[in-house]
Amino acid sequence: MLKKTEEWSVEAIWGKIACVSWGDPGNFPVLMVHGHMDTAATFIPIVQHLPDKYYYVAIDLPGHGKSDPFPVGPLISQAHHMVAIHLVIQHLKWEAFVYMAHSSGFIIGILYNYIYPNRISKMVNLDPPPPLSMNCFPDYSPNLWYQYFYDDYYENYSRWELERSKEYSYEQAINLLVRSRKLSKEQSAVVLSRTLVPVGNGKYRLSWEPRMKKVVGIPMSEEMLIKIATTNAPAMLNIVASIDETIEMLKERGEHLMKRLQESIPVFIVINVSGTHDIHITKPEAFVDKINDFLNSDIKTKRLAKL
């Protein structure tokens, strides 16, 4: 069923955080957080399949979509994005909510839950293994972490300014997503609906802040990550894409970390779905019934494990 859609924003000290919402604000809330170099539009294909008895709010993280970027200069970390979602939650005066995230939005969610416990009642995680595999390393090295993020960023600082000025035709922008994310042209148009900024003469600029390609993962060992993810963990439903296009080492690490979480979190359901990382865009109908069952179920019952 089509849900009432509204666009609005929350003022932060650095600018606005853009939000889009669906449904009745009087219903129990669901916060929707996108992943790497994406926008709130990533949830448009799935939200119309979700139960009407919830109120859905998707945000454009700073530097994405219609949200203002953080000030130019230093690198931005996942902790900065966690603060941004907290400002939205404070604005909405939510005491409890469901957290739904795609990809690296899952990492932001577990950080939030660790710092603000017992606010998230349930988590729906759309393909979390890839970001899990990128957020800790068996032989954690601060030097390698610093070199990957900070040395590369500052040694190539001029490139970020050049990327801000790039212009594309509509067709070029669409084909960019068709190639990089393996979406159809129609799906790419939905994703770009919050990103294309007209600059005249049939050209567009992409509103993504280029620095967001280098959002800093908080340096942590495997044990630190497991501790953060499992402390006061809510019930979690994990939709996992069968096609993992990361390198084999990272794929194995993601699978290993998922198993560790499943061993430690009382309600940790894994649903494997045939598809790629953007399955929530390409084929939400293949698994949305599992999400609906999870949202509507009593999370205290063990029967959840049989979803």
C-alpha atoms as a PDB file:
ATOM      1  CA  MET A   1       0.000   0.000   0.000  1.00  0.00           C
ATOM      2  CA  LEU A   2       1.234   3.507  -0.815  1.00  0.00           C
ATOM      3  CA  LYS A   3       2.245   5.390   2.303  1.00  0.00           C
ATOM      4  CA  LYS A   4       2.062   9.124   2.939  1.00  0.00           C
ATOM      5  CA  THR A   5       5.477  10.610   2.113  1.00  0.00           C
ATOM      6  CA  GLU A   6       6.965  13.765   3.608  1.00  0.00           C
ATOM      7  CA  GLU A   7      10.346  15.476   3.310  1.00  0.00           C
ATOM      8  CA  TRP A   8      11.831  17.572   6.092  1.00  0.00           C
ATOM      9  CA  SER A   9      15.132  18.256   7.806  1.00  0.00           C
ATOM     10  CA  VAL A  10      16.777  18.586  11.200  1.00  0.00           C
ATOM     11  CA  GLU A  11      19.094  21.508  11.859  1.00  0.00           C
ATOM     12  CA  ALA A  12      22.599  20.664  13.061  1.00  0.00           C
ATOM     13  CA  ILE A  13      25.453  23.023  13.880  1.00  0.00           C
ATOM     14  CA  TRP A  14      27.071  22.304  10.472  1.00  0.00           C
ATOM     15  CA  GLY A  15      23.838  22.481   8.430  1.00  0.00           C
ATOM     16  CA  LYS A  16      20.730  20.410   7.744  1.00  0.00           C
ATOM     17  CA  ILE A  17      20.197  16.661   7.977  1.00  0.00           C
ATOM     18  CA  ALA A  18      17.630  15.778   5.322  1.00  0.00           C
ATOM     19  CA  CYS A  19      14.962  13.175   6.093  1.00  0.00           C
ATOM     20  CA  VAL A  20      12.118  11.506   4.254  1.00  0.00           C
ATOM     21  CA  SER A  21       9.307   9.759   6.103  1.00  0.00           C
ATOM     22  CA  TRP A  22       6.494   7.401   5.233  1.00  0.00           C
ATOM     23  CA  GLY A  23       3.334   6.667   7.199  1.00  0.00           C
ATOM     24  CA  ASP A  24       1.657   7.955  10.350  1.00  0.00           C
ATOM     25  CA  PRO A  25       3.965   9.684  12.898  1.00  0.00           C
ATOM     26  CA  GLY A  26       1.752   8.247  15.637  1.00  0.00           C
ATOM     27  CA  ASN A  27       2.869   4.707  14.815  1.00  0.00           C
ATOM     28  CA  PHE A  28       5.898   2.942  16.305  1.00  0.00           C
ATOM     29  CA  PRO A  29       9.021   4.332  14.597  1.00  0.00           C
ATOM     30  CA  VAL A  30      11.559   2.706  12.312  1.00  0.00           C
ATOM     31  CA  LEU A  31      14.806   4.558  11.558  1.00  0.00           C
ATOM     32  CA  MET A  32      16.322   3.678   8.170  1.00  0.00           C
ATOM     33  CA  VAL A  33      20.042   4.323   7.626  1.00  0.00           C
ATOM     34  CA  HIS A  34      21.756   3.848   4.278  1.00  0.00           C
ATOM     35  CA  GLY A  35      25.262   2.594   3.587  1.00  0.00           C
ATOM     36  CA  HIS A  36      28.392   3.774   1.787  1.00  0.00           C
ATOM     37  CA  MET A  37      27.850   6.544  -0.803  1.00  0.00           C
ATOM     38  CA  ASP A  38      24.090   6.123  -0.868  1.00  0.00           C
ATOM     39  CA  THR A  39      20.996   8.087   0.241  1.00  0.00           C
ATOM     40  CA  ALA A  40      17.607   7.647   1.880  1.00  0.00           C
ATOM     41  CA  ALA A  41      16.275   6.833  -1.597  1.00  0.00           C
ATOM     42  CA  THR A  42      17.806   3.366  -1.244  1.00  0.00           C
ATOM     43  CA  PHE A  43      14.764   2.405   0.867  1.00  0.00           C
ATOM     44  CA  ILE A  44      12.093   3.564  -1.606  1.00  0.00           C
ATOM     45  CA  PRO A  45      11.761   0.138  -3.310  1.00  0.00           C
ATOM     46  CA  ILE A  46      11.288  -1.742  -0.030  1.00  0.00           C
ATOM     47  CA  VAL A  47       9.274   0.627   2.132  1.00  0.00           C
ATOM     48  CA  GLN A  48       6.006   0.154   0.241  1.00  0.00           C
ATOM     49  CA  HIS A  49       6.171  -3.569   1.076  1.00  0.00           C
ATOM     50  CA  LEU A  50       6.532  -2.986   4.837  1.00  0.00           C
ATOM     51  CA  PRO A  51       3.689  -3.009   7.406  1.00  0.00           C
ATOM     52  CA  ASP A  52       1.521   0.117   7.578  1.00  0.00           C
ATOM     53  CA  LYS A  53       1.469   0.076  11.369  1.00  0.00           C
ATOM     54  CA  TYR A  54       4.980   1.589  11.581  1.00  0.00           C
ATOM     55  CA  TYR A  55       6.315   5.094  10.927  1.00  0.00           C
ATOM     56  CA  TYR A  56       9.416   5.000   8.714  1.00  0.00           C
ATOM     57  CA  VAL A  57      12.064   7.733   8.732  1.00  0.00           C
ATOM     58  CA  ALA A  58      15.047   7.502   6.389  1.00  0.00           C
ATOM     59  CA  ILE A  59      17.896   9.986   6.613  1.00  0.00           C
ATOM     60  CA  ASP A  60      20.533  11.228   4.230  1.00  0.00           C
ATOM     61  CA  LEU A  61      23.736  11.005   6.238  1.00  0.00           C
ATOM     62  CA  PRO A  62      25.773  14.250   6.153  1.00  0.00           C
ATOM     63  CA  GLY A  63      27.458  14.669   2.782  1.00  0.00           C
ATOM     64  CA  HIS A  64      24.916  12.411   1.072  1.00  0.00           C
ATOM     65  CA  GLY A  65      21.728  13.156  -0.840  1.00  0.00           C
ATOM     66  CA  LYS A  66      20.086  16.384   0.295  1.00  0.00           C
ATOM     67  CA  SER A  67      21.988  16.674   3.596  1.00  0.00           C
ATOM     68  CA  ASP A  68      24.693  19.278   4.077  1.00  0.00           C
ATOM     69  CA  PRO A  69      28.225  17.905   4.407  1.00  0.00           C
ATOM     70  CA  PHE A  70      30.402  18.272   7.461  1.00  0.00           C
ATOM     71  CA  PRO A  71      32.872  21.189   7.171  1.00  0.00           C
ATOM     72  CA  VAL A  72      35.639  20.679   4.621  1.00  0.00           C
ATOM     73  CA  GLY A  73      38.962  19.655   6.119  1.00  0.00           C
ATOM     74  CA  PRO A  74      39.494  16.619   8.328  1.00  0.00           C
ATOM     75  CA  LEU A  75      38.322  13.121   7.555  1.00  0.00           C
ATOM     76  CA  ILE A  76      34.909  12.026   8.793  1.00  0.00           C
ATOM     77  CA  SER A  77      34.432   8.849  10.823  1.00  0.00           C
ATOM     78  CA  GLN A  78      31.521   6.532  11.541  1.00  0.00           C
ATOM     79  CA  ALA A  79      31.304   8.207  14.946  1.00  0.00           C
ATOM     80  CA  HIS A  80      30.384  11.496  13.244  1.00  0.00           C
ATOM     81  CA  HIS A  81      27.532   9.752  11.436  1.00  0.00           C
ATOM     82  CA  MET A  82      26.371   8.181  14.683  1.00  0.00           C
ATOM     83  CA  VAL A  83      26.114  11.686  16.191  1.00  0.00           C
ATOM     84  CA  ALA A  84      24.043  12.784  13.191  1.00  0.00           C
ATOM     85  CA  ILE A  85      21.475  10.024  13.646  1.00  0.00           C
ATOM     86  CA  HIS A  86      21.350  10.799  17.377  1.00  0.00           C
ATOM     87  CA  LEU A  87      20.417  14.407  16.557  1.00  0.00           C
ATOM     88  CA  VAL A  88      17.540  13.139  14.413  1.00  0.00           C
ATOM     89  CA  ILE A  89      16.382  10.799  17.188  1.00  0.00           C
ATOM     90  CA  GLN A  90      16.544  13.633  19.731  1.00  0.00           C
ATOM     91  CA  HIS A  91      14.561  15.876  17.402  1.00  0.00           C
ATOM     92  CA  LEU A  92      11.856  13.222  17.052  1.00  0.00           C
ATOM     93  CA  LYS A  93      11.862  12.552  20.815  1.00  0.00           C
ATOM     94  CA  TRP A  94      11.910   8.790  20.304  1.00  0.00           C
ATOM     95  CA  GLU A  95      12.436   6.693  23.407  1.00  0.00           C
ATOM     96  CA  ALA A  96      12.515   3.426  21.456  1.00  0.00           C
ATOM     97  CA  PHE A  97      12.598   2.496  17.782  1.00  0.00           C
ATOM     98  CA  VAL A  98      13.419  -0.216  15.253  1.00  0.00           C
ATOM     99  CA  TYR A  99      16.691   0.308  13.406  1.00  0.00           C
ATOM    100  CA  MET A 100      16.876  -0.795   9.758  1.00  0.00           C
ATOM    101  CA  ALA A 101      20.140  -0.379   7.876  1.00  0.00           C
ATOM    102  CA  HIS A 102      21.835  -1.333   4.673  1.00  0.00           C
ATOM    103  CA  SER A 103      25.529  -2.251   4.574  1.00  0.00           C
ATOM    104  CA  SER A 104      27.742   0.070   6.665  1.00  0.00           C
ATOM    105  CA  GLY A 105      24.651   1.593   8.263  1.00  0.00           C
ATOM    106  CA  PHE A 106      24.752  -1.583  10.385  1.00  0.00           C
ATOM    107  CA  ILE A 107      28.093  -0.523  11.920  1.00  0.00           C
ATOM    108  CA  ILE A 108      26.676   2.899  12.798  1.00  0.00           C
ATOM    109  CA  GLY A 109      23.727   1.114  14.432  1.00  0.00           C
ATOM    110  CA  ILE A 110      25.785  -1.139  16.685  1.00  0.00           C
ATOM    111  CA  LEU A 111      27.888   1.850  17.758  1.00  0.00           C
ATOM    112  CA  TYR A 112      24.721   3.755  18.613  1.00  0.00           C
ATOM    113  CA  ASN A 113      23.280   0.815  20.544  1.00  0.00           C
ATOM    114  CA  TYR A 114      26.494   0.446  22.548  1.00  0.00           C
ATOM    115  CA  ILE A 115      26.585   4.118  23.553  1.00  0.00           C
ATOM    116  CA  TYR A 116      22.809   4.571  23.930  1.00  0.00           C
ATOM    117  CA  PRO A 117      21.668   1.130  25.162  1.00  0.00           C
ATOM    118  CA  ASN A 118      18.092  -0.123  25.180  1.00  0.00           C
ATOM    119  CA  ARG A 119      16.805   2.448  22.703  1.00  0.00           C
ATOM    120  CA  ILE A 120      16.857   0.133  19.686  1.00  0.00           C
ATOM    121  CA  SER A 121      14.157  -2.502  20.138  1.00  0.00           C
ATOM    122  CA  LYS A 122      15.031  -4.551  17.029  1.00  0.00           C
ATOM    123  CA  MET A 123      17.512  -4.357  14.183  1.00  0.00           C
ATOM    124  CA  VAL A 124      16.958  -5.307  10.554  1.00  0.00           C
ATOM    125  CA  ASN A 125      20.337  -5.544   8.841  1.00  0.00           C
ATOM    126  CA  LEU A 126      20.459  -5.653   5.059  1.00  0.00           C
ATOM    127  CA  ASP A 127      23.605  -7.515   3.981  1.00  0.00           C
ATOM    128  CA  PRO A 128      25.922  -6.779   6.958  1.00  0.00           C
ATOM    129  CA  PRO A 129      28.828  -9.196   6.188  1.00  0.00           C
ATOM    130  CA  PRO A 130      30.742  -6.862   3.807  1.00  0.00           C
ATOM    131  CA  PRO A 131      30.947  -3.920   6.261  1.00  0.00           C
ATOM    132  CA  LEU A 132      31.695  -6.293   9.130  1.00  0.00           C
ATOM    133  CA  SER A 133      34.674  -7.643   7.229  1.00  0.00           C
ATOM    134  CA  MET A 134      36.018  -4.116   6.685  1.00  0.00           C
ATOM    135  CA  ASN A 135      35.761  -2.938  10.295  1.00  0.00           C
ATOM    136  CA  CYS A 136      38.270  -5.138  12.039  1.00  0.00           C
ATOM    137  CA  PHE A 137      41.343  -7.133  11.178  1.00  0.00           C
ATOM    138  CA  PRO A 138      42.755 -10.253  12.861  1.00  0.00           C
ATOM    139  CA  ASP A 139      46.188  -8.658  13.133  1.00  0.00           C
ATOM    140  CA  TYR A 140      45.108  -5.081  13.748  1.00  0.00           C
ATOM    141  CA  SER A 141      47.844  -2.585  12.888  1.00  0.00           C
ATOM    142  CA  PRO A 142      47.385   1.115  13.793  1.00  0.00           C
ATOM    143  CA  ASN A 143      50.030   2.003  11.218  1.00  0.00           C
ATOM    144  CA  LEU A 144      48.223   0.287   8.358  1.00  0.00           C
ATOM    145  CA  TRP A 145      44.926   1.822   9.457  1.00  0.00           C
ATOM    146  CA  TYR A 146      46.491   5.304   9.499  1.00  0.00           C
ATOM    147  CA  GLN A 147      48.180   4.840   6.140  1.00  0.00           C
ATOM    148  CA  TYR A 148      45.021   3.572   4.449  1.00  0.00           C
ATOM    149  CA  PHE A 149      42.821   6.418   5.653  1.00  0.00           C
ATOM    150  CA  TYR A 150      44.893   9.446   6.579  1.00  0.00           C
ATOM    151  CA  ASP A 151      48.044   9.236   4.455  1.00  0.00           C
ATOM    152  CA  ASP A 152      46.048   8.483   1.317  1.00  0.00           C
ATOM    153  CA  TYR A 153      43.540  11.243   2.088  1.00  0.00           C
ATOM    154  CA  TYR A 154      46.001  14.066   2.717  1.00  0.00           C
ATOM    155  CA  GLU A 155      48.570  13.046   0.111  1.00  0.00           C
ATOM    156  CA  ASN A 156      45.822  13.154  -2.534  1.00  0.00           C
ATOM    157  CA  TYR A 157      43.852  16.038  -1.051  1.00  0.00           C
ATOM    158  CA  SER A 158      43.514  17.977  -4.331  1.00  0.00           C
ATOM    159  CA  ARG A 159      41.535  15.155  -5.923  1.00  0.00           C
ATOM    160  CA  TRP A 160      38.583  15.695  -3.586  1.00  0.00           C
ATOM    161  CA  GLU A 161      38.157  19.260  -4.831  1.00  0.00           C
ATOM    162  CA  LEU A 162      38.326  18.082  -8.432  1.00  0.00           C
ATOM    163  CA  GLU A 163      35.622  15.480  -7.810  1.00  0.00           C
ATOM    164  CA  ARG A 164      33.285  18.121  -6.364  1.00  0.00           C
ATOM    165  CA  SER A 165      33.338  19.993  -9.669  1.00  0.00           C
ATOM    166  CA  LYS A 166      32.631  17.022 -11.949  1.00  0.00           C
ATOM    167  CA  GLU A 167      29.571  17.372 -14.170  1.00  0.00           C
ATOM    168  CA  TYR A 168      27.538  14.640 -15.839  1.00  0.00           C
ATOM    169  CA  SER A 169      24.695  14.352 -18.303  1.00  0.00           C
ATOM    170  CA  TYR A 170      21.657  12.535 -16.936  1.00  0.00           C
ATOM    171  CA  GLU A 171      22.536   9.467 -18.977  1.00  0.00           C
ATOM    172  CA  GLN A 172      26.143   9.505 -17.759  1.00  0.00           C
ATOM    173  CA  ALA A 173      25.025   9.681 -14.130  1.00  0.00           C
ATOM    174  CA  ILE A 174      22.579   6.816 -14.592  1.00  0.00           C
ATOM    175  CA  ASN A 175      25.175   4.656 -16.333  1.00  0.00           C
ATOM    176  CA  LEU A 176      27.621   5.350 -13.515  1.00  0.00           C
ATOM    177  CA  LEU A 177      25.333   3.456 -11.117  1.00  0.00           C
ATOM    178  CA  VAL A 178      24.417   0.814 -13.683  1.00  0.00           C
ATOM    179  CA  ARG A 179      28.110  -0.060 -13.936  1.00  0.00           C
ATOM    180  CA  SER A 180      29.213   0.369 -10.317  1.00  0.00           C
ATOM    181  CA  ARG A 181      26.198  -1.166  -8.553  1.00  0.00           C
ATOM    182  CA  LYS A 182      24.778  -3.394 -11.292  1.00  0.00           C
ATOM    183  CA  LEU A 183      21.348  -1.767 -11.080  1.00  0.00           C
ATOM    184  CA  SER A 184      18.891  -1.306 -13.926  1.00  0.00           C
ATOM    185  CA  LYS A 185      18.438   2.189 -15.330  1.00  0.00           C
ATOM    186  CA  GLU A 186      15.094   2.459 -13.560  1.00  0.00           C
ATOM    187  CA  GLN A 187      16.599   1.421 -10.216  1.00  0.00           C
ATOM    188  CA  SER A 188      19.535   3.791 -10.729  1.00  0.00           C
ATOM    189  CA  ALA A 189      17.105   6.656 -11.331  1.00  0.00           C
ATOM    190  CA  VAL A 190      15.438   5.955  -7.967  1.00  0.00           C
ATOM    191  CA  VAL A 191      18.778   5.906  -6.128  1.00  0.00           C
ATOM    192  CA  LEU A 192      19.893   9.142  -7.814  1.00  0.00           C
ATOM    193  CA  SER A 193      16.611  10.929  -7.146  1.00  0.00           C
ATOM    194  CA  ARG A 194      18.098  12.594  -4.043  1.00  0.00           C
ATOM    195  CA  THR A 195      21.567  13.135  -5.515  1.00  0.00           C
ATOM    196  CA  LEU A 196      21.367  14.894  -8.892  1.00  0.00           C
ATOM    197  CA  VAL A 197      21.862  18.678  -8.703  1.00  0.00           C
ATOM    198  CA  PRO A 198      21.140  20.582 -11.972  1.00  0.00           C
ATOM    199  CA  VAL A 199      23.928  22.980 -12.977  1.00  0.00           C
ATOM    200  CA  GLY A 200      22.524  24.089 -16.338  1.00  0.00           C
ATOM    201  CA  ASN A 201      22.972  23.065 -19.978  1.00  0.00           C
ATOM    202  CA  GLY A 202      21.556  19.622 -19.268  1.00  0.00           C
ATOM    203  CA  LYS A 203      24.366  18.839 -16.842  1.00  0.00           C
ATOM    204  CA  TYR A 204      24.243  17.636 -13.232  1.00  0.00           C
ATOM    205  CA  ARG A 205      26.537  17.493 -10.251  1.00  0.00           C
ATOM    206  CA  LEU A 206      26.357  14.612  -7.773  1.00  0.00           C
ATOM    207  CA  SER A 207      25.601  15.891  -4.271  1.00  0.00           C
ATOM    208  CA  TRP A 208      27.712  13.191  -2.609  1.00  0.00           C
ATOM    209  CA  GLU A 209      30.620  14.801  -0.765  1.00  0.00           C
ATOM    210  CA  PRO A 210      33.701  13.049  -2.251  1.00  0.00           C
ATOM    211  CA  ARG A 211      35.301  12.676   1.191  1.00  0.00           C
ATOM    212  CA  MET A 212      32.521  10.235   2.073  1.00  0.00           C
ATOM    213  CA  LYS A 213      34.397   7.665   0.000  1.00  0.00           C
ATOM    214  CA  LYS A 214      36.918   7.679   2.846  1.00  0.00           C
ATOM    215  CA  VAL A 215      34.711   7.540   5.953  1.00  0.00           C
ATOM    216  CA  VAL A 216      37.038   6.315   8.674  1.00  0.00           C
ATOM    217  CA  GLY A 217      36.196   3.024  10.316  1.00  0.00           C
ATOM    218  CA  ILE A 218      36.796   3.163  14.052  1.00  0.00           C
ATOM    219  CA  PRO A 219      39.971   1.124  14.638  1.00  0.00           C
ATOM    220  CA  MET A 220      39.153  -2.017  16.562  1.00  0.00           C
ATOM    221  CA  SER A 221      40.223  -5.586  17.013  1.00  0.00           C
ATOM    222  CA  GLU A 222      37.855  -8.495  16.438  1.00  0.00           C
ATOM    223  CA  GLU A 223      37.207  -8.822  20.175  1.00  0.00           C
ATOM    224  CA  MET A 224      36.376  -5.126  20.451  1.00  0.00           C
ATOM    225  CA  LEU A 225      33.917  -5.367  17.579  1.00  0.00           C
ATOM    226  CA  ILE A 226      32.212  -8.432  19.063  1.00  0.00           C
ATOM    227  CA  LYS A 227      32.003  -6.708  22.466  1.00  0.00           C
ATOM    228  CA  ILE A 228      30.393  -3.596  20.961  1.00  0.00           C
ATOM    229  CA  ALA A 229      27.968  -5.544  18.775  1.00  0.00           C
ATOM    230  CA  THR A 230      26.814  -7.984  21.480  1.00  0.00           C
ATOM    231  CA  THR A 231      26.508  -5.738  24.551  1.00  0.00           C
ATOM    232  CA  ASN A 232      22.784  -5.160  25.223  1.00  0.00           C
ATOM    233  CA  ALA A 233      22.154  -6.338  21.677  1.00  0.00           C
ATOM    234  CA  PRO A 234      18.540  -6.200  20.479  1.00  0.00           C
ATOM    235  CA  ALA A 235      16.992  -8.975  18.413  1.00  0.00           C
ATOM    236  CA  MET A 236      18.490  -8.888  14.932  1.00  0.00           C
ATOM    237  CA  LEU A 237      17.242 -10.062  11.558  1.00  0.00           C
ATOM    238  CA  ASN A 238      19.999 -10.268   8.951  1.00  0.00           C
ATOM    239  CA  ILE A 239      19.258 -10.462   5.244  1.00  0.00           C
ATOM    240  CA  VAL A 240      22.435 -11.791   3.618  1.00  0.00           C
ATOM    241  CA  ALA A 241      23.049 -11.643  -0.134  1.00  0.00           C
ATOM    242  CA  SER A 242      24.335 -14.881  -1.624  1.00  0.00           C
ATOM    243  CA  ILE A 243      26.686 -13.107  -4.025  1.00  0.00           C
ATOM    244  CA  ASP A 244      29.535 -11.473  -2.117  1.00  0.00           C
ATOM    245  CA  GLU A 245      31.720  -9.569  -4.567  1.00  0.00           C
ATOM    246  CA  THR A 246      34.435  -8.709  -2.044  1.00  0.00           C
ATOM    247  CA  ILE A 247      37.793 -10.461  -2.232  1.00  0.00           C
ATOM    248  CA  GLU A 248      37.903 -13.982  -0.792  1.00  0.00           C
ATOM    249  CA  MET A 249      39.779 -12.991   2.383  1.00  0.00           C
ATOM    250  CA  LEU A 250      37.159 -10.374   3.275  1.00  0.00           C
ATOM    251  CA  LYS A 251      34.308 -12.728   2.385  1.00  0.00           C
ATOM    252  CA  GLU A 252      35.664 -15.350   4.788  1.00  0.00           C
ATOM    253  CA  ARG A 253      36.149 -12.751   7.507  1.00  0.00           C
ATOM    254  CA  GLY A 254      32.562 -11.523   7.135  1.00  0.00           C
ATOM    255  CA  GLU A 255      31.238 -15.089   7.422  1.00  0.00           C
ATOM    256  CA  HIS A 256      33.416 -15.719  10.481  1.00  0.00           C
ATOM    257  CA  LEU A 257      32.201 -12.567  12.250  1.00  0.00           C
ATOM    258  CA  MET A 258      28.556 -13.352  11.483  1.00  0.00           C
ATOM    259  CA  LYS A 259      28.990 -16.775  13.095  1.00  0.00           C
ATOM    260  CA  ARG A 260      30.518 -15.208  16.201  1.00  0.00           C
ATOM    261  CA  LEU A 261      27.626 -12.774  16.512  1.00  0.00           C
ATOM    262  CA  GLN A 262      25.118 -15.582  16.039  1.00  0.00           C
ATOM    263  CA  GLU A 263      26.765 -17.492  18.893  1.00  0.00           C
ATOM    264  CA  SER A 264      26.559 -14.501  21.271  1.00  0.00           C
ATOM    265  CA  ILE A 265      23.310 -12.660  20.488  1.00  0.00           C
ATOM    266  CA  PRO A 266      20.195 -14.479  21.812  1.00  0.00           C
ATOM    267  CA  VAL A 267      18.006 -13.630  18.793  1.00  0.00           C
ATOM    268  CA  PHE A 268      20.176 -13.383  15.693  1.00  0.00           C
ATOM    269  CA  ILE A 269      18.377 -14.625  12.596  1.00  0.00           C
ATOM    270  CA  VAL A 270      20.125 -15.044   9.256  1.00  0.00           C
ATOM    271  CA  ILE A 271      18.132 -15.247   6.028  1.00  0.00           C
ATOM    272  CA  ASN A 272      20.178 -16.032   2.929  1.00  0.00           C
ATOM    273  CA  VAL A 273      18.797 -14.533  -0.282  1.00  0.00           C
ATOM    274  CA  SER A 274      19.988 -15.050  -3.830  1.00  0.00           C
ATOM    275  CA  GLY A 275      21.306 -11.740  -5.106  1.00  0.00           C
ATOM    276  CA  THR A 276      23.962  -9.056  -4.769  1.00  0.00           C
ATOM    277  CA  HIS A 277      24.668  -6.390  -2.157  1.00  0.00           C
ATOM    278  CA  ASP A 278      21.748  -4.184  -3.297  1.00  0.00           C
ATOM    279  CA  ILE A 279      19.070  -6.868  -2.961  1.00  0.00           C
ATOM    280  CA  HIS A 280      16.869  -4.402  -1.046  1.00  0.00           C
ATOM    281  CA  ILE A 281      16.643  -2.438  -4.313  1.00  0.00           C
ATOM    282  CA  THR A 282      16.740  -5.206  -6.900  1.00  0.00           C
ATOM    283  CA  LYS A 283      14.427  -7.809  -5.335  1.00  0.00           C
ATOM    284  CA  PRO A 284      12.873  -6.736  -1.992  1.00  0.00           C
ATOM    285  CA  GLU A 285       9.827  -8.929  -2.653  1.00  0.00           C
ATOM    286  CA  ALA A 286      12.057 -12.013  -2.286  1.00  0.00           C
ATOM    287  CA  PHE A 287      12.469 -11.541   1.464  1.00  0.00           C
ATOM    288  CA  VAL A 288      10.251  -8.721   2.691  1.00  0.00           C
ATOM    289  CA  ASP A 289       7.817 -11.248   4.186  1.00  0.00           C
ATOM    290  CA  LYS A 290      10.619 -12.299   6.576  1.00  0.00           C
ATOM    291  CA  ILE A 291      11.078  -8.682   7.658  1.00  0.00           C
ATOM    292  CA  ASN A 292       7.354  -8.263   8.184  1.00  0.00           C
ATOM    293  CA  ASP A 293       7.181 -11.452  10.277  1.00  0.00           C
ATOM    294  CA  PHE A 294      10.124 -10.238  12.359  1.00  0.00           C
ATOM    295  CA  LEU A 295       8.642  -6.782  12.929  1.00  0.00           C
ATOM    296  CA  ASN A 296       5.289  -8.246  13.922  1.00  0.00           C
ATOM    297  CA  SER A 297       6.641 -11.062  16.119  1.00  0.00           C
ATOM    298  CA  ASP A 298       7.218 -11.248  19.848  1.00  0.00           C
ATOM    299  CA  ILE A 299      11.000 -10.964  20.042  1.00  0.00           C
ATOM    300  CA  LYS A 300      11.069 -12.841  23.339  1.00  0.00           C
ATOM    301  CA  THR A 301       9.956 -16.101  21.773  1.00  0.00           C
ATOM    302  CA  LYS A 302      12.432 -18.664  20.490  1.00  0.00           C
ATOM    303  CA  ARG A 303      10.223 -19.397  17.509  1.00  0.00           C
ATOM    304  CA  LEU A 304      11.827 -16.401  15.829  1.00  0.00           C
ATOM    305  CA  ALA A 305      14.774 -18.613  15.024  1.00  0.00           C
ATOM    306  CA  LYS A 306      12.488 -20.557  12.673  1.00  0.00           C
ATOM    307  CA  LEU A 307      11.498 -17.581  10.523  1.00  0.00           C
END
